[in-house]
Full PDB file with SEQRES, HELIX, SHEET, SSBOND, CRYST1, ORIGX, SCALE, CONECT and MASTER records, all heavy atoms in Angstrom:
SEQRES   1 A   38  LEU ALA PHE LEU VAL VAL VAL ILE THR ALA LEU GLY ALA          
SEQRES   2 A   38  VAL SER LEU GLY ILE PHE LEU SER THR PHE ALA ARG THR          
SEQRES   3 A   38  GLU LEU GLN VAL ILE GLN PHE ILE PRO LEU VAL LEU              
HELIX    1 AA1 ALA A    2  SER A   21  1                                  20    
HELIX    2 AA2 GLU A   27  GLN A   32  1                                   6    
HELIX    3 AA3 ILE A   34  VAL A   37  1                                   4    
CRYST1    1.000    1.000    1.000  90.00  90.00  90.00 P 1           1          
ORIGX1      1.000000  0.000000  0.000000        0.00000                         
ORIGX2      0.000000  1.000000  0.000000        0.00000                         
ORIGX3      0.000000  0.000000  1.000000        0.00000                         
SCALE1      1.000000  0.000000  0.000000        0.00000                         
SCALE2      0.000000  1.000000  0.000000        0.00000                         
SCALE3      0.000000  0.000000  1.000000        0.00000                         
ATOM      1  N   LEU A   1      -8.426  60.797 -14.301  1.00  0.00           N  
ATOM      2  CA  LEU A   1      -9.500  60.070 -14.955  1.00  0.00           C  
ATOM      3  C   LEU A   1     -10.593  59.712 -14.040  1.00  0.00           C  
ATOM      4  O   LEU A   1     -11.791  59.884 -14.340  1.00  0.00           O  
ATOM      5  CB  LEU A   1      -9.063  58.806 -15.659  1.00  0.00           C  
ATOM      6  CG  LEU A   1      -9.940  58.137 -16.641  1.00  0.00           C  
ATOM      7  CD1 LEU A   1     -10.383  59.054 -17.702  1.00  0.00           C  
ATOM      8  CD2 LEU A   1      -9.159  56.970 -17.272  1.00  0.00           C  
ATOM      9  N   ALA A   2     -10.217  59.338 -12.806  1.00  0.00           N  
ATOM     10  CA  ALA A   2     -11.281  59.114 -11.806  1.00  0.00           C  
ATOM     11  C   ALA A   2     -11.993  60.391 -11.404  1.00  0.00           C  
ATOM     12  O   ALA A   2     -13.199  60.446 -11.234  1.00  0.00           O  
ATOM     13  CB  ALA A   2     -10.613  58.500 -10.508  1.00  0.00           C  
ATOM     14  N   PHE A   3     -11.221  61.418 -11.392  1.00  0.00           N  
ATOM     15  CA  PHE A   3     -11.849  62.805 -11.145  1.00  0.00           C  
ATOM     16  C   PHE A   3     -12.827  63.166 -12.233  1.00  0.00           C  
ATOM     17  O   PHE A   3     -13.882  63.720 -11.999  1.00  0.00           O  
ATOM     18  CB  PHE A   3     -10.769  63.864 -11.125  1.00  0.00           C  
ATOM     19  CG  PHE A   3     -11.169  65.255 -10.983  1.00  0.00           C  
ATOM     20  CD1 PHE A   3     -11.659  65.675  -9.769  1.00  0.00           C  
ATOM     21  CD2 PHE A   3     -11.104  66.072 -11.983  1.00  0.00           C  
ATOM     22  CE1 PHE A   3     -12.093  67.092  -9.657  1.00  0.00           C  
ATOM     23  CE2 PHE A   3     -11.528  67.441 -11.898  1.00  0.00           C  
ATOM     24  CZ  PHE A   3     -11.965  67.975 -10.686  1.00  0.00           C  
ATOM     25  N   LEU A   4     -12.483  62.770 -13.505  1.00  0.00           N  
ATOM     26  CA  LEU A   4     -13.383  63.104 -14.672  1.00  0.00           C  
ATOM     27  C   LEU A   4     -14.715  62.336 -14.507  1.00  0.00           C  
ATOM     28  O   LEU A   4     -15.821  62.888 -14.691  1.00  0.00           O  
ATOM     29  CB  LEU A   4     -12.684  62.755 -15.933  1.00  0.00           C  
ATOM     30  CG  LEU A   4     -13.555  62.828 -17.225  1.00  0.00           C  
ATOM     31  CD1 LEU A   4     -13.938  64.253 -17.487  1.00  0.00           C  
ATOM     32  CD2 LEU A   4     -12.796  62.230 -18.428  1.00  0.00           C  
ATOM     33  N   VAL A   5     -14.619  61.107 -14.147  1.00  0.00           N  
ATOM     34  CA  VAL A   5     -15.902  60.249 -13.930  1.00  0.00           C  
ATOM     35  C   VAL A   5     -16.744  60.905 -12.867  1.00  0.00           C  
ATOM     36  O   VAL A   5     -17.914  61.060 -13.083  1.00  0.00           O  
ATOM     37  CB  VAL A   5     -15.527  58.825 -13.546  1.00  0.00           C  
ATOM     38  CG1 VAL A   5     -16.751  58.079 -13.202  1.00  0.00           C  
ATOM     39  CG2 VAL A   5     -14.712  58.094 -14.630  1.00  0.00           C  
ATOM     40  N   VAL A   6     -16.138  61.304 -11.711  1.00  0.00           N  
ATOM     41  CA  VAL A   6     -16.911  61.882 -10.696  1.00  0.00           C  
ATOM     42  C   VAL A   6     -17.471  63.270 -11.054  1.00  0.00           C  
ATOM     43  O   VAL A   6     -18.621  63.656 -10.674  1.00  0.00           O  
ATOM     44  CB  VAL A   6     -16.088  61.946  -9.389  1.00  0.00           C  
ATOM     45  CG1 VAL A   6     -16.938  62.477  -8.181  1.00  0.00           C  
ATOM     46  CG2 VAL A   6     -15.561  60.617  -8.993  1.00  0.00           C  
ATOM     47  N   VAL A   7     -16.709  63.964 -11.814  1.00  0.00           N  
ATOM     48  CA  VAL A   7     -17.232  65.357 -12.181  1.00  0.00           C  
ATOM     49  C   VAL A   7     -18.359  65.286 -13.146  1.00  0.00           C  
ATOM     50  O   VAL A   7     -19.430  65.981 -13.012  1.00  0.00           O  
ATOM     51  CB  VAL A   7     -16.070  66.187 -12.884  1.00  0.00           C  
ATOM     52  CG1 VAL A   7     -16.707  67.454 -13.597  1.00  0.00           C  
ATOM     53  CG2 VAL A   7     -15.071  66.628 -11.879  1.00  0.00           C  
ATOM     54  N   ILE A   8     -18.333  64.314 -14.152  1.00  0.00           N  
ATOM     55  CA  ILE A   8     -19.530  64.180 -15.004  1.00  0.00           C  
ATOM     56  C   ILE A   8     -20.685  63.696 -14.248  1.00  0.00           C  
ATOM     57  O   ILE A   8     -21.870  64.026 -14.469  1.00  0.00           O  
ATOM     58  CB  ILE A   8     -19.110  63.153 -16.089  1.00  0.00           C  
ATOM     59  CG1 ILE A   8     -18.007  63.735 -17.037  1.00  0.00           C  
ATOM     60  CG2 ILE A   8     -20.398  62.810 -16.964  1.00  0.00           C  
ATOM     61  CD1 ILE A   8     -17.541  62.896 -18.133  1.00  0.00           C  
ATOM     62  N   THR A   9     -20.541  62.794 -13.243  1.00  0.00           N  
ATOM     63  CA  THR A   9     -21.561  62.360 -12.322  1.00  0.00           C  
ATOM     64  C   THR A   9     -22.062  63.530 -11.556  1.00  0.00           C  
ATOM     65  O   THR A   9     -23.306  63.685 -11.448  1.00  0.00           O  
ATOM     66  CB  THR A   9     -21.023  61.326 -11.277  1.00  0.00           C  
ATOM     67  OG1 THR A   9     -20.531  60.228 -11.979  1.00  0.00           O  
ATOM     68  CG2 THR A   9     -22.092  60.910 -10.385  1.00  0.00           C  
ATOM     69  N   ALA A  10     -21.262  64.400 -11.111  1.00  0.00           N  
ATOM     70  CA  ALA A  10     -21.726  65.630 -10.390  1.00  0.00           C  
ATOM     71  C   ALA A  10     -22.553  66.505 -11.255  1.00  0.00           C  
ATOM     72  O   ALA A  10     -23.520  67.099 -10.790  1.00  0.00           O  
ATOM     73  CB  ALA A  10     -20.518  66.326  -9.817  1.00  0.00           C  
ATOM     74  N   LEU A  11     -22.116  66.650 -12.513  1.00  0.00           N  
ATOM     75  CA  LEU A  11     -22.939  67.481 -13.454  1.00  0.00           C  
ATOM     76  C   LEU A  11     -24.323  66.918 -13.630  1.00  0.00           C  
ATOM     77  O   LEU A  11     -25.222  67.638 -13.772  1.00  0.00           O  
ATOM     78  CB  LEU A  11     -22.278  67.671 -14.743  1.00  0.00           C  
ATOM     79  CG  LEU A  11     -20.934  68.447 -14.690  1.00  0.00           C  
ATOM     80  CD1 LEU A  11     -20.297  68.506 -16.065  1.00  0.00           C  
ATOM     81  CD2 LEU A  11     -21.204  69.911 -14.250  1.00  0.00           C  
ATOM     82  N   GLY A  12     -24.353  65.581 -13.615  1.00  0.00           N  
ATOM     83  CA  GLY A  12     -25.659  64.883 -13.737  1.00  0.00           C  
ATOM     84  C   GLY A  12     -26.553  65.206 -12.398  1.00  0.00           C  
ATOM     85  O   GLY A  12     -27.736  65.413 -12.585  1.00  0.00           O  
ATOM     86  N   ALA A  13     -25.799  65.187 -11.351  1.00  0.00           N  
ATOM     87  CA  ALA A  13     -26.614  65.615 -10.103  1.00  0.00           C  
ATOM     88  C   ALA A  13     -27.004  66.987 -10.050  1.00  0.00           C  
ATOM     89  O   ALA A  13     -28.120  67.321  -9.573  1.00  0.00           O  
ATOM     90  CB  ALA A  13     -25.685  65.320  -8.801  1.00  0.00           C  
ATOM     91  N   VAL A  14     -26.246  67.893 -10.602  1.00  0.00           N  
ATOM     92  CA  VAL A  14     -26.704  69.324 -10.744  1.00  0.00           C  
ATOM     93  C   VAL A  14     -27.961  69.363 -11.635  1.00  0.00           C  
ATOM     94  O   VAL A  14     -28.857  70.076 -11.275  1.00  0.00           O  
ATOM     95  CB  VAL A  14     -25.533  70.107 -11.342  1.00  0.00           C  
ATOM     96  CG1 VAL A  14     -26.037  71.562 -11.785  1.00  0.00           C  
ATOM     97  CG2 VAL A  14     -24.363  70.370 -10.354  1.00  0.00           C  
ATOM     98  N   SER A  15     -27.968  68.736 -12.765  1.00  0.00           N  
ATOM     99  CA  SER A  15     -29.110  68.799 -13.685  1.00  0.00           C  
ATOM    100  C   SER A  15     -30.317  68.152 -12.957  1.00  0.00           C  
ATOM    101  O   SER A  15     -31.543  68.705 -12.992  1.00  0.00           O  
ATOM    102  CB  SER A  15     -28.823  67.945 -14.889  1.00  0.00           C  
ATOM    103  OG  SER A  15     -27.755  68.551 -15.605  1.00  0.00           O  
ATOM    104  N   LEU A  16     -30.113  67.039 -12.210  1.00  0.00           N  
ATOM    105  CA  LEU A  16     -31.228  66.448 -11.442  1.00  0.00           C  
ATOM    106  C   LEU A  16     -31.700  67.287 -10.421  1.00  0.00           C  
ATOM    107  O   LEU A  16     -32.940  67.459 -10.195  1.00  0.00           O  
ATOM    108  CB  LEU A  16     -30.727  65.097 -10.886  1.00  0.00           C  
ATOM    109  CG  LEU A  16     -31.672  64.286  -9.970  1.00  0.00           C  
ATOM    110  CD1 LEU A  16     -32.881  63.828 -10.831  1.00  0.00           C  
ATOM    111  CD2 LEU A  16     -31.064  63.156  -9.280  1.00  0.00           C  
ATOM    112  N   GLY A  17     -30.804  67.994  -9.689  1.00  0.00           N  
ATOM    113  CA  GLY A  17     -31.344  68.928  -8.605  1.00  0.00           C  
ATOM    114  C   GLY A  17     -32.090  70.056  -9.066  1.00  0.00           C  
ATOM    115  O   GLY A  17     -33.069  70.466  -8.545  1.00  0.00           O  
ATOM    116  N   ILE A  18     -31.642  70.700 -10.240  1.00  0.00           N  
ATOM    117  CA  ILE A  18     -32.436  71.760 -10.843  1.00  0.00           C  
ATOM    118  C   ILE A  18     -33.837  71.206 -11.335  1.00  0.00           C  
ATOM    119  O   ILE A  18     -34.835  71.872 -11.039  1.00  0.00           O  
ATOM    120  CB  ILE A  18     -31.662  72.334 -12.034  1.00  0.00           C  
ATOM    121  CG1 ILE A  18     -30.382  73.104 -11.532  1.00  0.00           C  
ATOM    122  CG2 ILE A  18     -32.569  73.287 -12.901  1.00  0.00           C  
ATOM    123  CD1 ILE A  18     -29.554  73.627 -12.657  1.00  0.00           C  
ATOM    124  N   PHE A  19     -33.883  70.071 -11.914  1.00  0.00           N  
ATOM    125  CA  PHE A  19     -35.030  69.528 -12.380  1.00  0.00           C  
ATOM    126  C   PHE A  19     -36.076  69.279 -11.269  1.00  0.00           C  
ATOM    127  O   PHE A  19     -37.252  69.732 -11.301  1.00  0.00           O  
ATOM    128  CB  PHE A  19     -34.839  68.282 -13.213  1.00  0.00           C  
ATOM    129  CG  PHE A  19     -36.091  67.448 -13.453  1.00  0.00           C  
ATOM    130  CD1 PHE A  19     -37.037  67.914 -14.275  1.00  0.00           C  
ATOM    131  CD2 PHE A  19     -36.204  66.161 -12.902  1.00  0.00           C  
ATOM    132  CE1 PHE A  19     -38.241  67.206 -14.518  1.00  0.00           C  
ATOM    133  CE2 PHE A  19     -37.318  65.463 -13.172  1.00  0.00           C  
ATOM    134  CZ  PHE A  19     -38.362  65.924 -13.998  1.00  0.00           C  
ATOM    135  N   LEU A  20     -35.559  68.547 -10.251  1.00  0.00           N  
ATOM    136  CA  LEU A  20     -36.549  68.214  -9.086  1.00  0.00           C  
ATOM    137  C   LEU A  20     -36.885  69.446  -8.279  1.00  0.00           C  
ATOM    138  O   LEU A  20     -38.038  69.492  -7.716  1.00  0.00           O  
ATOM    139  CB  LEU A  20     -35.883  67.124  -8.185  1.00  0.00           C  
ATOM    140  CG  LEU A  20     -35.691  65.770  -8.835  1.00  0.00           C  
ATOM    141  CD1 LEU A  20     -35.050  64.809  -7.878  1.00  0.00           C  
ATOM    142  CD2 LEU A  20     -37.045  65.246  -9.313  1.00  0.00           C  
ATOM    143  N   SER A  21     -36.002  70.453  -8.119  1.00  0.00           N  
ATOM    144  CA  SER A  21     -36.394  71.627  -7.368  1.00  0.00           C  
ATOM    145  C   SER A  21     -37.428  72.458  -7.980  1.00  0.00           C  
ATOM    146  O   SER A  21     -38.068  73.293  -7.346  1.00  0.00           O  
ATOM    147  CB  SER A  21     -35.141  72.433  -7.132  1.00  0.00           C  
ATOM    148  OG  SER A  21     -34.683  73.031  -8.389  1.00  0.00           O  
ATOM    149  N   THR A  22     -37.678  72.304  -9.250  1.00  0.00           N  
ATOM    150  CA  THR A  22     -38.711  73.039  -9.970  1.00  0.00           C  
ATOM    151  C   THR A  22     -40.170  72.593  -9.447  1.00  0.00           C  
ATOM    152  O   THR A  22     -41.135  73.255  -9.684  1.00  0.00           O  
ATOM    153  CB  THR A  22     -38.744  72.878 -11.472  1.00  0.00           C  
ATOM    154  OG1 THR A  22     -38.845  71.502 -11.881  1.00  0.00           O  
ATOM    155  CG2 THR A  22     -37.459  73.443 -12.054  1.00  0.00           C  
ATOM    156  N   PHE A  23     -40.165  71.344  -8.804  1.00  0.00           N  
ATOM    157  CA  PHE A  23     -41.473  70.827  -8.320  1.00  0.00           C  
ATOM    158  C   PHE A  23     -41.587  71.070  -6.798  1.00  0.00           C  
ATOM    159  O   PHE A  23     -42.567  70.648  -6.201  1.00  0.00           O  
ATOM    160  CB  PHE A  23     -41.549  69.382  -8.558  1.00  0.00           C  
ATOM    161  CG  PHE A  23     -41.499  68.962 -10.055  1.00  0.00           C  
ATOM    162  CD1 PHE A  23     -40.380  68.562 -10.608  1.00  0.00           C  
ATOM    163  CD2 PHE A  23     -42.633  69.137 -10.822  1.00  0.00           C  
ATOM    164  CE1 PHE A  23     -40.289  68.220 -11.972  1.00  0.00           C  
ATOM    165  CE2 PHE A  23     -42.668  68.782 -12.151  1.00  0.00           C  
ATOM    166  CZ  PHE A  23     -41.458  68.362 -12.790  1.00  0.00           C  
ATOM    167  N   ALA A  24     -40.591  71.780  -6.192  1.00  0.00           N  
ATOM    168  CA  ALA A  24     -40.599  71.982  -4.766  1.00  0.00           C  
ATOM    169  C   ALA A  24     -40.937  73.402  -4.339  1.00  0.00           C  
ATOM    170  O   ALA A  24     -40.593  74.341  -5.209  1.00  0.00           O  
ATOM    171  CB  ALA A  24     -39.319  71.587  -4.129  1.00  0.00           C  
ATOM    172  N   ARG A  25     -41.625  73.603  -3.292  1.00  0.00           N  
ATOM    173  CA  ARG A  25     -41.827  74.947  -2.728  1.00  0.00           C  
ATOM    174  C   ARG A  25     -41.085  75.286  -1.530  1.00  0.00           C  
ATOM    175  O   ARG A  25     -40.979  76.371  -1.190  1.00  0.00           O  
ATOM    176  CB  ARG A  25     -43.378  75.139  -2.476  1.00  0.00           C  
ATOM    177  CG  ARG A  25     -44.198  74.966  -3.760  1.00  0.00           C  
ATOM    178  CD  ARG A  25     -45.788  75.082  -3.428  1.00  0.00           C  
ATOM    179  NE  ARG A  25     -46.546  74.980  -4.608  1.00  0.00           N  
ATOM    180  CZ  ARG A  25     -46.888  76.020  -5.345  1.00  0.00           C  
ATOM    181  NH1 ARG A  25     -46.426  77.322  -5.059  1.00  0.00           N  
ATOM    182  NH2 ARG A  25     -47.667  75.972  -6.446  1.00  0.00           N  
ATOM    183  N   THR A  26     -40.577  74.308  -0.865  1.00  0.00           N  
ATOM    184  CA  THR A  26     -39.723  74.497   0.333  1.00  0.00           C  
ATOM    185  C   THR A  26     -38.547  73.730   0.291  1.00  0.00           C  
ATOM    186  O   THR A  26     -38.465  72.643  -0.455  1.00  0.00           O  
ATOM    187  CB  THR A  26     -40.513  74.171   1.626  1.00  0.00           C  
ATOM    188  OG1 THR A  26     -40.867  72.776   1.573  1.00  0.00           O  
ATOM    189  CG2 THR A  26     -41.862  74.954   1.714  1.00  0.00           C  
ATOM    190  N   GLU A  27     -37.556  73.990   1.081  1.00  0.00           N  
ATOM    191  CA  GLU A  27     -36.317  73.168   1.144  1.00  0.00           C  
ATOM    192  C   GLU A  27     -36.585  71.723   1.613  1.00  0.00           C  
ATOM    193  O   GLU A  27     -35.959  70.832   1.245  1.00  0.00           O  
ATOM    194  CB  GLU A  27     -35.302  73.804   2.128  1.00  0.00           C  
ATOM    195  CG  GLU A  27     -34.745  75.157   1.501  1.00  0.00           C  
ATOM    196  CD  GLU A  27     -33.849  75.840   2.380  1.00  0.00           C  
ATOM    197  OE1 GLU A  27     -33.361  75.306   3.366  1.00  0.00           O  
ATOM    198  OE2 GLU A  27     -33.314  76.968   2.030  1.00  0.00           O  
ATOM    199  N   LEU A  28     -37.596  71.583   2.531  1.00  0.00           N  
ATOM    200  CA  LEU A  28     -37.988  70.304   2.977  1.00  0.00           C  
ATOM    201  C   LEU A  28     -38.474  69.500   1.841  1.00  0.00           C  
ATOM    202  O   LEU A  28     -38.172  68.228   1.856  1.00  0.00           O  
ATOM    203  CB  LEU A  28     -39.111  70.422   4.069  1.00  0.00           C  
ATOM    204  CG  LEU A  28     -39.659  69.160   4.621  1.00  0.00           C  
ATOM    205  CD1 LEU A  28     -38.543  68.231   5.276  1.00  0.00           C  
ATOM    206  CD2 LEU A  28     -40.760  69.278   5.552  1.00  0.00           C  
ATOM    207  N   GLN A  29     -39.182  69.997   0.901  1.00  0.00           N  
ATOM    208  CA  GLN A  29     -39.694  69.261  -0.285  1.00  0.00           C  
ATOM    209  C   GLN A  29     -38.524  68.714  -1.111  1.00  0.00           C  
ATOM    210  O   GLN A  29     -38.581  67.670  -1.775  1.00  0.00           O  
ATOM    211  CB  GLN A  29     -40.648  70.003  -0.985  1.00  0.00           C  
ATOM    212  CG  GLN A  29     -42.022  70.173  -0.191  1.00  0.00           C  
ATOM    213  CD  GLN A  29     -43.048  71.016  -1.050  1.00  0.00           C  
ATOM    214  OE1 GLN A  29     -42.749  71.486  -2.172  1.00  0.00           O  
ATOM    215  NE2 GLN A  29     -44.335  71.087  -0.572  1.00  0.00           N  
ATOM    216  N   VAL A  30     -37.443  69.571  -1.189  1.00  0.00           N  
ATOM    217  CA  VAL A  30     -36.284  69.184  -1.996  1.00  0.00           C  
ATOM    218  C   VAL A  30     -35.689  67.907  -1.389  1.00  0.00           C  
ATOM    219  O   VAL A  30     -35.282  66.864  -1.995  1.00  0.00           O  
ATOM    220  CB  VAL A  30     -35.276  70.269  -2.038  1.00  0.00           C  
ATOM    221  CG1 VAL A  30     -33.948  69.776  -2.558  1.00  0.00           C  
ATOM    222  CG2 VAL A  30     -35.734  71.444  -2.887  1.00  0.00           C  
ATOM    223  N   ILE A  31     -35.622  67.944   0.010  1.00  0.00           N  
ATOM    224  CA  ILE A  31     -35.034  66.822   0.738  1.00  0.00           C  
ATOM    225  C   ILE A  31     -35.943  65.558   0.583  1.00  0.00           C  
ATOM    226  O   ILE A  31     -35.461  64.390   0.633  1.00  0.00           O  
ATOM    227  CB  ILE A  31     -34.824  67.198   2.212  1.00  0.00           C  
ATOM    228  CG1 ILE A  31     -33.779  68.336   2.245  1.00  0.00           C  
ATOM    229  CG2 ILE A  31     -34.356  65.914   3.103  1.00  0.00           C  
ATOM    230  CD1 ILE A  31     -33.613  68.860   3.709  1.00  0.00           C  
ATOM    231  N   GLN A  32     -37.268  65.788   0.414  1.00  0.00           N  
ATOM    232  CA  GLN A  32     -38.207  64.729   0.296  1.00  0.00           C  
ATOM    233  C   GLN A  32     -37.971  63.764  -0.836  1.00  0.00           C  
ATOM    234  O   GLN A  32     -38.455  62.693  -0.869  1.00  0.00           O  
ATOM    235  CB  GLN A  32     -39.689  65.226   0.393  1.00  0.00           C  
ATOM    236  CG  GLN A  32     -40.107  65.775   1.707  1.00  0.00           C  
ATOM    237  CD  GLN A  32     -41.381  66.558   1.620  1.00  0.00           C  
ATOM    238  OE1 GLN A  32     -41.861  66.764   0.564  1.00  0.00           O  
ATOM    239  NE2 GLN A  32     -41.886  67.115   2.705  1.00  0.00           N  
ATOM    240  N   PHE A  33     -37.367  64.382  -1.836  1.00  0.00           N  
ATOM    241  CA  PHE A  33     -36.995  63.487  -2.985  1.00  0.00           C  
ATOM    242  C   PHE A  33     -35.920  62.428  -2.809  1.00  0.00           C  
ATOM    243  O   PHE A  33     -35.746  61.525  -3.594  1.00  0.00           O  
ATOM    244  CB  PHE A  33     -36.612  64.410  -4.204  1.00  0.00           C  
ATOM    245  CG  PHE A  33     -37.803  65.165  -4.845  1.00  0.00           C  
ATOM    246  CD1 PHE A  33     -37.812  66.516  -4.691  1.00  0.00           C  
ATOM    247  CD2 PHE A  33     -38.707  64.459  -5.534  1.00  0.00           C  
ATOM    248  CE1 PHE A  33     -38.899  67.246  -5.264  1.00  0.00           C  
ATOM    249  CE2 PHE A  33     -39.789  65.115  -6.059  1.00  0.00           C  
ATOM    250  CZ  PHE A  33     -39.885  66.560  -5.946  1.00  0.00           C  
ATOM    251  N   ILE A  34     -35.227  62.660  -1.692  1.00  0.00           N  
ATOM    252  CA  ILE A  34     -34.043  61.718  -1.428  1.00  0.00           C  
ATOM    253  C   ILE A  34     -34.415  60.304  -1.329  1.00  0.00           C  
ATOM    254  O   ILE A  34     -33.824  59.441  -1.896  1.00  0.00           O  
ATOM    255  CB  ILE A  34     -33.225  62.265  -0.225  1.00  0.00           C  
ATOM    256  CG1 ILE A  34     -32.555  63.613  -0.585  1.00  0.00           C  
ATOM    257  CG2 ILE A  34     -32.255  61.181   0.213  1.00  0.00           C  
ATOM    258  CD1 ILE A  34     -31.735  64.178   0.619  1.00  0.00           C  
ATOM    259  N   PRO A  35     -35.504  59.996  -0.460  1.00  0.00           N  
ATOM    260  CA  PRO A  35     -35.838  58.541  -0.326  1.00  0.00           C  
ATOM    261  C   PRO A  35     -36.446  58.005  -1.654  1.00  0.00           C  
ATOM    262  O   PRO A  35     -36.357  56.768  -1.795  1.00  0.00           O  
ATOM    263  CB  PRO A  35     -36.984  58.616   0.764  1.00  0.00           C  
ATOM    264  CG  PRO A  35     -36.753  59.860   1.447  1.00  0.00           C  
ATOM    265  CD  PRO A  35     -36.227  60.877   0.499  1.00  0.00           C  
ATOM    266  N   LEU A  36     -36.860  58.839  -2.493  1.00  0.00           N  
ATOM    267  CA  LEU A  36     -37.489  58.243  -3.768  1.00  0.00           C  
ATOM    268  C   LEU A  36     -36.468  58.196  -4.859  1.00  0.00           C  
ATOM    269  O   LEU A  36     -36.608  57.410  -5.840  1.00  0.00           O  
ATOM    270  CB  LEU A  36     -38.659  59.214  -4.188  1.00  0.00           C  
ATOM    271  CG  LEU A  36     -39.805  59.361  -3.194  1.00  0.00           C  
ATOM    272  CD1 LEU A  36     -40.803  60.242  -3.716  1.00  0.00           C  
ATOM    273  CD2 LEU A  36     -40.334  58.005  -2.898  1.00  0.00           C  
ATOM    274  N   VAL A  37     -35.357  59.152  -4.852  1.00  0.00           N  
ATOM    275  CA  VAL A  37     -34.469  59.182  -6.055  1.00  0.00           C  
ATOM    276  C   VAL A  37     -33.109  58.592  -5.678  1.00  0.00           C  
ATOM    277  O   VAL A  37     -32.468  57.849  -6.361  1.00  0.00           O  
ATOM    278  CB  VAL A  37     -34.374  60.599  -6.521  1.00  0.00           C  
ATOM    279  CG1 VAL A  37     -33.378  60.667  -7.636  1.00  0.00           C  
ATOM    280  CG2 VAL A  37     -35.762  61.132  -6.959  1.00  0.00           C  
ATOM    281  N   LEU A  38     -32.580  59.024  -4.472  1.00  0.00           N  
ATOM    282  CA  LEU A  38     -31.224  58.586  -4.178  1.00  0.00           C  
ATOM    283  C   LEU A  38     -31.097  57.301  -3.338  1.00  0.00           C  
ATOM    284  O   LEU A  38     -30.164  56.587  -3.584  1.00  0.00           O  
ATOM    285  CB  LEU A  38     -30.573  59.832  -3.331  1.00  0.00           C  
ATOM    286  CG  LEU A  38     -30.490  61.093  -4.071  1.00  0.00           C  
ATOM    287  CD1 LEU A  38     -29.718  62.151  -3.217  1.00  0.00           C  
ATOM    288  CD2 LEU A  38     -29.814  60.980  -5.367  1.00  0.00           C  
TER     289      LEU A  38                                                      
MASTER        0    0    0    3    0    0    0    6  288    1    0    3          
END                                                                             
């Protein structure tokens, strides 16, 4: 059950990563979202 909670959380992180990466042009810009989002 703990694994289920973390997996659903991870799927949310996958969706978030795809969404934010559409606004990035370089890998550095993907990392730049960390201070603002994470």
